[in-house]
Amino acid sequence: MAVNRTLSERLGRPGTDECDKPFRMSEAITVGAAVDAFTRGVAYVNHEEGRLGSLVVGSSADLAVLDQDIFEIDSRSIGETSVALTIAAGRVVHGDE
C-alpha cells in the first residue's frame, strides 16, 4: 500500500477501486523507503534503535525471508509476495530450516 497506493488483488477485491485506483498517489514512497520505515523506523519510534531495526552485530536478528526480491520485481507484484521463512529470537518459527 505504501508503494503502490492500492491493495493487491490477493488482499483486496479485484476490479474495484481499492485494487485499481491509487489512493493519494502523491504519498507513495519507494520500496526502500517502505522497508526502512517498517524496520529501522519502527525501532526508532519504540526507542529500540540500538538493538532492533537493522542487521548489525549485536542487534536482534528477527527476520523474514520472502519468496521474491521485492527490490527487483515490478512493484505491483509486491502484494503477491509470501513469507517463506521467519526467524524470531534465533529460532525458525515459520517455514523449513
C-alpha atoms as a PDB file:
ATOM      1  CA  MET A   1       0.000   0.000   0.000  1.00  0.00           C
ATOM      2  CA  ALA A   2       2.792   2.433   0.834  1.00  0.00           C
ATOM      3  CA  VAL A   3       4.424   1.924  -2.570  1.00  0.00           C
ATOM      4  CA  ASN A   4       1.513   1.327  -4.956  1.00  0.00           C
ATOM      5  CA  ARG A   5      -1.264   3.079  -3.010  1.00  0.00           C
ATOM      6  CA  THR A   6      -3.668   0.238  -3.906  1.00  0.00           C
ATOM      7  CA  LEU A   7      -4.451  -3.126  -2.363  1.00  0.00           C
ATOM      8  CA  SER A   8      -3.125  -6.206  -4.122  1.00  0.00           C
ATOM      9  CA  GLU A   9      -5.681  -8.452  -5.755  1.00  0.00           C
ATOM     10  CA  ARG A  10      -4.859 -11.034  -3.069  1.00  0.00           C
ATOM     11  CA  LEU A  11      -5.856  -8.660  -0.258  1.00  0.00           C
ATOM     12  CA  GLY A  12      -8.492  -6.537  -1.956  1.00  0.00           C
ATOM     13  CA  ARG A  13     -11.425  -7.046  -4.266  1.00  0.00           C
ATOM     14  CA  PRO A  14     -10.183  -7.283  -7.873  1.00  0.00           C
ATOM     15  CA  GLY A  15     -11.948  -4.953 -10.282  1.00  0.00           C
ATOM     16  CA  THR A  16     -12.791  -2.392  -7.585  1.00  0.00           C
ATOM     17  CA  ASP A  17     -11.249   0.995  -6.820  1.00  0.00           C
ATOM     18  CA  GLU A  18      -9.294  -0.396  -3.847  1.00  0.00           C
ATOM     19  CA  CYS A  19      -7.251  -2.535  -6.264  1.00  0.00           C
ATOM     20  CA  ASP A  20      -7.375  -0.412  -9.408  1.00  0.00           C
ATOM     21  CA  LYS A  21      -7.426   3.249  -8.385  1.00  0.00           C
ATOM     22  CA  PRO A  22      -4.384   4.510  -6.426  1.00  0.00           C
ATOM     23  CA  PHE A  23      -5.290   6.378  -3.235  1.00  0.00           C
ATOM     24  CA  ARG A  24      -3.355   9.641  -2.762  1.00  0.00           C
ATOM     25  CA  MET A  25      -0.613   8.643  -5.184  1.00  0.00           C
ATOM     26  CA  SER A  26       1.327  11.755  -4.172  1.00  0.00           C
ATOM     27  CA  GLU A  27       2.006   9.984  -0.863  1.00  0.00           C
ATOM     28  CA  ALA A  28       3.591   6.888  -2.473  1.00  0.00           C
ATOM     29  CA  ILE A  29       7.111   6.013  -1.327  1.00  0.00           C
ATOM     30  CA  THR A  30       9.835   3.797  -2.765  1.00  0.00           C
ATOM     31  CA  VAL A  31      10.270   0.147  -1.828  1.00  0.00           C
ATOM     32  CA  GLY A  32      13.471   1.068   0.004  1.00  0.00           C
ATOM     33  CA  ALA A  33      11.733   3.786   1.996  1.00  0.00           C
ATOM     34  CA  ALA A  34       8.905   1.394   2.901  1.00  0.00           C
ATOM     35  CA  VAL A  35      11.300  -1.316   4.116  1.00  0.00           C
ATOM     36  CA  ASP A  36      13.242   1.286   6.102  1.00  0.00           C
ATOM     37  CA  ALA A  37      10.035   2.608   7.693  1.00  0.00           C
ATOM     38  CA  PHE A  38       8.911  -0.853   8.769  1.00  0.00           C
ATOM     39  CA  THR A  39      12.336  -1.842  10.150  1.00  0.00           C
ATOM     40  CA  ARG A  40      14.563   0.999  11.352  1.00  0.00           C
ATOM     41  CA  GLY A  41      11.620   3.396  11.621  1.00  0.00           C
ATOM     42  CA  VAL A  42       9.644   1.116  13.918  1.00  0.00           C
ATOM     43  CA  ALA A  43      12.723   0.503  16.071  1.00  0.00           C
ATOM     44  CA  TYR A  44      13.277   4.268  16.321  1.00  0.00           C
ATOM     45  CA  VAL A  45       9.733   5.152  17.402  1.00  0.00           C
ATOM     46  CA  ASN A  46       9.925   2.390  20.021  1.00  0.00           C
ATOM     47  CA  HIS A  47      13.278   3.713  21.305  1.00  0.00           C
ATOM     48  CA  GLU A  48      14.913   0.369  20.391  1.00  0.00           C
ATOM     49  CA  GLU A  49      17.173   1.530  17.551  1.00  0.00           C
ATOM     50  CA  GLY A  50      20.254   0.399  19.495  1.00  0.00           C
ATOM     51  CA  ARG A  51      19.208  -3.248  19.311  1.00  0.00           C
ATOM     52  CA  LEU A  52      16.480  -3.581  16.660  1.00  0.00           C
ATOM     53  CA  GLY A  53      15.726  -2.468  13.128  1.00  0.00           C
ATOM     54  CA  SER A  54      18.924  -3.300  11.237  1.00  0.00           C
ATOM     55  CA  LEU A  55      21.152  -6.297  10.620  1.00  0.00           C
ATOM     56  CA  VAL A  56      24.304  -5.376  12.506  1.00  0.00           C
ATOM     57  CA  VAL A  57      26.430  -7.197  15.057  1.00  0.00           C
ATOM     58  CA  GLY A  58      24.763  -7.036  18.457  1.00  0.00           C
ATOM     59  CA  SER A  59      21.238  -6.445  17.160  1.00  0.00           C
ATOM     60  CA  SER A  60      18.378  -8.894  17.495  1.00  0.00           C
ATOM     61  CA  ALA A  61      18.081 -10.699  14.169  1.00  0.00           C
ATOM     62  CA  ASP A  62      14.383 -11.437  13.882  1.00  0.00           C
ATOM     63  CA  LEU A  63      13.745 -11.610  10.159  1.00  0.00           C
ATOM     64  CA  ALA A  64      11.507 -12.828   7.373  1.00  0.00           C
ATOM     65  CA  VAL A  65      12.735 -14.385   4.133  1.00  0.00           C
ATOM     66  CA  LEU A  66      10.462 -13.602   1.190  1.00  0.00           C
ATOM     67  CA  ASP A  67       9.803 -15.756  -1.875  1.00  0.00           C
ATOM     68  CA  GLN A  68      10.566 -12.814  -4.203  1.00  0.00           C
ATOM     69  CA  ASP A  69      13.091  -9.991  -4.210  1.00  0.00           C
ATOM     70  CA  ILE A  70      10.780  -7.013  -3.689  1.00  0.00           C
ATOM     71  CA  PHE A  71      13.547  -4.676  -4.849  1.00  0.00           C
ATOM     72  CA  GLU A  72      13.778  -6.414  -8.244  1.00  0.00           C
ATOM     73  CA  ILE A  73      10.176  -7.265  -9.172  1.00  0.00           C
ATOM     74  CA  ASP A  74       7.580  -4.873 -10.559  1.00  0.00           C
ATOM     75  CA  SER A  75       6.196  -3.035  -7.524  1.00  0.00           C
ATOM     76  CA  ARG A  76       2.668  -4.112  -8.474  1.00  0.00           C
ATOM     77  CA  SER A  77       3.698  -7.712  -7.689  1.00  0.00           C
ATOM     78  CA  ILE A  78       4.777  -6.989  -4.112  1.00  0.00           C
ATOM     79  CA  GLY A  79       1.319  -7.878  -2.790  1.00  0.00           C
ATOM     80  CA  GLU A  80       1.716 -11.383  -4.228  1.00  0.00           C
ATOM     81  CA  THR A  81       4.875 -11.972  -2.197  1.00  0.00           C
ATOM     82  CA  SER A  82       4.778 -14.586   0.563  1.00  0.00           C
ATOM     83  CA  VAL A  83       6.952 -15.211   3.588  1.00  0.00           C
ATOM     84  CA  ALA A  84       8.975 -18.389   3.038  1.00  0.00           C
ATOM     85  CA  LEU A  85      10.797 -18.421   6.392  1.00  0.00           C
ATOM     86  CA  THR A  86      10.569 -16.478   9.655  1.00  0.00           C
ATOM     87  CA  ILE A  87      13.254 -16.423  12.337  1.00  0.00           C
ATOM     88  CA  ALA A  88      12.496 -14.936  15.750  1.00  0.00           C
ATOM     89  CA  ALA A  89      14.844 -14.915  18.719  1.00  0.00           C
ATOM     90  CA  GLY A  90      17.247 -17.069  16.712  1.00  0.00           C
ATOM     91  CA  ARG A  91      14.701 -19.830  16.079  1.00  0.00           C
ATOM     92  CA  VAL A  92      12.797 -20.745  12.925  1.00  0.00           C
ATOM     93  CA  VAL A  93       9.141 -20.117  13.753  1.00  0.00           C
ATOM     94  CA  HIS A  94       7.725 -20.458  10.237  1.00  0.00           C
ATOM     95  CA  GLY A  95       8.953 -22.451   7.233  1.00  0.00           C
ATOM     96  CA  ASP A  96      11.661 -25.059   6.843  1.00  0.00           C
ATOM     97  CA  GLU A  97      15.203 -24.723   8.104  1.00  0.00           C
END
